[in-house]
Every structure is written in C-alpha cells, then in structure tokens.
C-alpha cells in the first residue's frame, strides 16, 4: 500500500513557475514508477509525466515537454513547471504504479490532487 499526498499548487501568472511535490508513505515506494496527471474543469484526466522507479528515465506528454521536469528522491516525487500557460490550469494528481507502463496507463495509487491555476 502506498499513500500519496500532493502539495505546491497555487495561483501563478502566465510565464511563471511552480514546483509540485508528492509525499509518499508506505512500503516499497522506491520500487514504484511514479507519474503526474492533470484534470482541467469539464475534461478527462490526462497524463503529464512519469519517471521510472530508479529515476533513470523520464517521459512527458507533448504538451509539457521542454517546460516541465519530473524528478524523485527517496520519499517524494516532484514536478517542476516552468513557463506556465493558462491551458496548464488543472488539478494535478500524483500516481504510482508497478511499472512505467502501468503508471502511465492504469496507476495503482492516486493522490487527492492539488489545484494549479495560471492566469493570463
């Protein structure tokens, strides 16, 4: 079992930056691939980025590539978001899965989400 708690969301102007954190507790955090997803109002939840259990490989959706960076340490996963745009406004969710494919397609665990709002 893994418990995930996101933090770091907030209101920022276009072009600004935010760093999201996801604190993980429970057994075997280091064995899980981790990911970030987001859900805008009235839209489906979408994949943003993911990182392997070792942290050696990272993957991004085309919409955030070059602007967002996912990273991890022993107990947290992070999402550094730069050059934010109004279309990045959403609730951001942290997720964990057994493999990099699993965390992208059907995560085993989800956090409760943190709101990111980008004003124009």
C-alpha atoms as a PDB file:
ATOM      1  CA  UNK A   1       0.000   0.000   0.000  1.00  0.00           C
ATOM      2  CA  UNK A   2       1.242   3.492  -0.897  1.00  0.00           C
ATOM      3  CA  UNK A   3      -0.274   6.751   0.311  1.00  0.00           C
ATOM      4  CA  UNK A   4       0.311   9.853  -1.803  1.00  0.00           C
ATOM      5  CA  UNK A   5      -0.168  13.481  -0.776  1.00  0.00           C
ATOM      6  CA  UNK A   6       0.414  16.351  -3.223  1.00  0.00           C
ATOM      7  CA  UNK A   7       1.369  19.910  -2.349  1.00  0.00           C
ATOM      8  CA  UNK A   8       2.707  23.036  -4.014  1.00  0.00           C
ATOM      9  CA  UNK A   9      -0.226  24.081  -6.142  1.00  0.00           C
ATOM     10  CA  UNK A  10      -1.409  27.665  -6.322  1.00  0.00           C
ATOM     11  CA  UNK A  11      -2.102  30.691  -8.482  1.00  0.00           C
ATOM     12  CA  UNK A  12       0.577  31.966 -10.846  1.00  0.00           C
ATOM     13  CA  UNK A  13       0.709  34.325 -13.824  1.00  0.00           C
ATOM     14  CA  UNK A  14       1.471  33.243 -17.358  1.00  0.00           C
ATOM     15  CA  UNK A  15       5.175  32.512 -17.714  1.00  0.00           C
ATOM     16  CA  UNK A  16       5.600  31.776 -14.042  1.00  0.00           C
ATOM     17  CA  UNK A  17       6.806  28.628 -12.303  1.00  0.00           C
ATOM     18  CA  UNK A  18       5.586  26.216  -9.665  1.00  0.00           C
ATOM     19  CA  UNK A  19       7.049  23.109  -8.104  1.00  0.00           C
ATOM     20  CA  UNK A  20       4.671  20.360  -7.096  1.00  0.00           C
ATOM     21  CA  UNK A  21       5.640  17.746  -4.548  1.00  0.00           C
ATOM     22  CA  UNK A  22       4.147  14.364  -3.815  1.00  0.00           C
ATOM     23  CA  UNK A  23       4.988  12.804  -0.492  1.00  0.00           C
ATOM     24  CA  UNK A  24       4.757   9.045  -0.469  1.00  0.00           C
ATOM     25  CA  UNK A  25       4.450   6.761   2.508  1.00  0.00           C
ATOM     26  CA  UNK A  26       4.049   3.073   2.804  1.00  0.00           C
ATOM     27  CA  UNK A  27       6.094   0.144   1.807  1.00  0.00           C
ATOM     28  CA  UNK A  28       8.347  -0.085  -1.205  1.00  0.00           C
ATOM     29  CA  UNK A  29       7.974   3.453  -2.532  1.00  0.00           C
ATOM     30  CA  UNK A  30      11.320   3.112  -4.258  1.00  0.00           C
ATOM     31  CA  UNK A  31      10.053   0.142  -6.244  1.00  0.00           C
ATOM     32  CA  UNK A  32       7.203   2.097  -7.864  1.00  0.00           C
ATOM     33  CA  UNK A  33       7.245   4.081 -11.042  1.00  0.00           C
ATOM     34  CA  UNK A  34       5.640   7.466 -10.438  1.00  0.00           C
ATOM     35  CA  UNK A  35       3.609   9.798 -12.568  1.00  0.00           C
ATOM     36  CA  UNK A  36       1.748  13.078 -12.719  1.00  0.00           C
ATOM     37  CA  UNK A  37      -1.641  13.582 -14.318  1.00  0.00           C
ATOM     38  CA  UNK A  38      -3.933  16.579 -14.575  1.00  0.00           C
ATOM     39  CA  UNK A  39      -7.629  17.233 -14.986  1.00  0.00           C
ATOM     40  CA  UNK A  40      -8.993  20.512 -16.257  1.00  0.00           C
ATOM     41  CA  UNK A  41     -12.598  21.535 -15.484  1.00  0.00           C
ATOM     42  CA  UNK A  42     -15.046  19.541 -17.566  1.00  0.00           C
ATOM     43  CA  UNK A  43     -12.316  17.422 -19.144  1.00  0.00           C
ATOM     44  CA  UNK A  44     -10.845  13.962 -18.693  1.00  0.00           C
ATOM     45  CA  UNK A  45      -7.808  13.324 -16.557  1.00  0.00           C
ATOM     46  CA  UNK A  46      -4.694  13.279 -18.756  1.00  0.00           C
ATOM     47  CA  UNK A  47      -1.172  12.015 -18.445  1.00  0.00           C
ATOM     48  CA  UNK A  48       1.554  14.636 -17.885  1.00  0.00           C
ATOM     49  CA  UNK A  49       4.823  12.927 -16.993  1.00  0.00           C
ATOM     50  CA  UNK A  50       6.315   9.784 -15.482  1.00  0.00           C
ATOM     51  CA  UNK A  51       9.565   8.504 -14.029  1.00  0.00           C
ATOM     52  CA  UNK A  52      10.934   5.007 -13.536  1.00  0.00           C
ATOM     53  CA  UNK A  53      11.487   3.537 -10.087  1.00  0.00           C
ATOM     54  CA  UNK A  54      15.225   4.178 -10.370  1.00  0.00           C
ATOM     55  CA  UNK A  55      14.717   7.721 -11.600  1.00  0.00           C
ATOM     56  CA  UNK A  56      16.877   6.929 -14.581  1.00  0.00           C
ATOM     57  CA  UNK A  57      14.259   7.548 -17.249  1.00  0.00           C
ATOM     58  CA  UNK A  58      11.595  10.206 -17.606  1.00  0.00           C
ATOM     59  CA  UNK A  59       8.743  10.671 -20.052  1.00  0.00           C
ATOM     60  CA  UNK A  60       6.495  13.604 -20.899  1.00  0.00           C
ATOM     61  CA  UNK A  61       3.382  14.423 -22.830  1.00  0.00           C
ATOM     62  CA  UNK A  62       3.988  16.605 -25.861  1.00  0.00           C
ATOM     63  CA  UNK A  63       2.076  19.473 -24.261  1.00  0.00           C
ATOM     64  CA  UNK A  64       4.580  19.873 -21.418  1.00  0.00           C
ATOM     65  CA  UNK A  65       7.827  18.626 -22.934  1.00  0.00           C
ATOM     66  CA  UNK A  66      10.582  21.199 -22.511  1.00  0.00           C
ATOM     67  CA  UNK A  67       8.668  23.098 -19.807  1.00  0.00           C
ATOM     68  CA  UNK A  68       8.068  20.518 -17.060  1.00  0.00           C
ATOM     69  CA  UNK A  69      10.586  18.291 -15.288  1.00  0.00           C
ATOM     70  CA  UNK A  70       9.758  15.246 -13.179  1.00  0.00           C
ATOM     71  CA  UNK A  71      12.213  14.012 -10.554  1.00  0.00           C
ATOM     72  CA  UNK A  72      12.257  11.909  -7.417  1.00  0.00           C
ATOM     73  CA  UNK A  73      14.203  11.166  -4.272  1.00  0.00           C
ATOM     74  CA  UNK A  74      13.821   8.543  -1.555  1.00  0.00           C
ATOM     75  CA  UNK A  75      10.334   9.568  -0.471  1.00  0.00           C
ATOM     76  CA  UNK A  76       8.990  12.231  -2.842  1.00  0.00           C
ATOM     77  CA  UNK A  77       8.330  12.856  -6.468  1.00  0.00           C
ATOM     78  CA  UNK A  78       8.412  16.368  -7.893  1.00  0.00           C
ATOM     79  CA  UNK A  79       7.090  18.236 -10.890  1.00  0.00           C
ATOM     80  CA  UNK A  80       8.920  21.448 -11.737  1.00  0.00           C
ATOM     81  CA  UNK A  81       6.695  23.502 -14.012  1.00  0.00           C
ATOM     82  CA  UNK A  82       8.186  26.447 -15.901  1.00  0.00           C
ATOM     83  CA  UNK A  83       6.779  28.852 -18.463  1.00  0.00           C
ATOM     84  CA  UNK A  84       3.261  28.090 -17.329  1.00  0.00           C
ATOM     85  CA  UNK A  85       0.335  28.822 -19.625  1.00  0.00           C
ATOM     86  CA  UNK A  86      -3.378  29.287 -18.914  1.00  0.00           C
ATOM     87  CA  UNK A  87      -4.041  25.905 -20.524  1.00  0.00           C
ATOM     88  CA  UNK A  88      -1.967  24.283 -17.760  1.00  0.00           C
ATOM     89  CA  UNK A  89      -4.732  25.176 -15.291  1.00  0.00           C
ATOM     90  CA  UNK A  90      -5.971  21.936 -13.744  1.00  0.00           C
ATOM     91  CA  UNK A  91      -5.992  19.740 -10.682  1.00  0.00           C
ATOM     92  CA  UNK A  92      -2.702  17.854 -10.678  1.00  0.00           C
ATOM     93  CA  UNK A  93      -2.582  14.288  -9.371  1.00  0.00           C
ATOM     94  CA  UNK A  94       0.342  12.153  -8.319  1.00  0.00           C
ATOM     95  CA  UNK A  95       0.190   8.448  -9.139  1.00  0.00           C
ATOM     96  CA  UNK A  96       2.151   5.268  -8.502  1.00  0.00           C
ATOM     97  CA  UNK A  97       2.353   2.062 -10.493  1.00  0.00           C
ATOM     98  CA  UNK A  98       4.332  -1.120 -10.616  1.00  0.00           C
ATOM     99  CA  UNK A  99       5.987  -0.314 -13.932  1.00  0.00           C
ATOM    100  CA  UNK A 100       6.452   2.724 -16.140  1.00  0.00           C
ATOM    101  CA  UNK A 101       3.785   1.351 -18.475  1.00  0.00           C
ATOM    102  CA  UNK A 102       1.395   0.671 -15.605  1.00  0.00           C
ATOM    103  CA  UNK A 103       1.764   4.133 -14.084  1.00  0.00           C
ATOM    104  CA  UNK A 104       1.050   5.707 -17.454  1.00  0.00           C
ATOM    105  CA  UNK A 105      -1.963   3.574 -18.352  1.00  0.00           C
ATOM    106  CA  UNK A 106      -3.559   2.405 -15.103  1.00  0.00           C
ATOM    107  CA  UNK A 107      -1.888   3.553 -11.876  1.00  0.00           C
ATOM    108  CA  UNK A 108      -2.353   1.523  -8.745  1.00  0.00           C
ATOM    109  CA  UNK A 109      -2.486   4.514  -6.398  1.00  0.00           C
ATOM    110  CA  UNK A 110      -3.594   8.142  -6.629  1.00  0.00           C
ATOM    111  CA  UNK A 111      -3.169  11.230  -4.517  1.00  0.00           C
ATOM    112  CA  UNK A 112      -6.004  13.628  -3.742  1.00  0.00           C
ATOM    113  CA  UNK A 113      -4.804  16.322  -6.135  1.00  0.00           C
ATOM    114  CA  UNK A 114      -3.580  19.904  -5.908  1.00  0.00           C
ATOM    115  CA  UNK A 115      -5.008  22.869  -7.827  1.00  0.00           C
ATOM    116  CA  UNK A 116      -2.827  24.821 -10.240  1.00  0.00           C
ATOM    117  CA  UNK A 117      -4.279  27.996 -11.725  1.00  0.00           C
ATOM    118  CA  UNK A 118      -2.453  30.047 -14.345  1.00  0.00           C
ATOM    119  CA  UNK A 119      -3.872  33.499 -15.003  1.00  0.00           C
ATOM    120  CA  UNK A 120      -3.391  35.318 -18.293  1.00  0.00           C
END
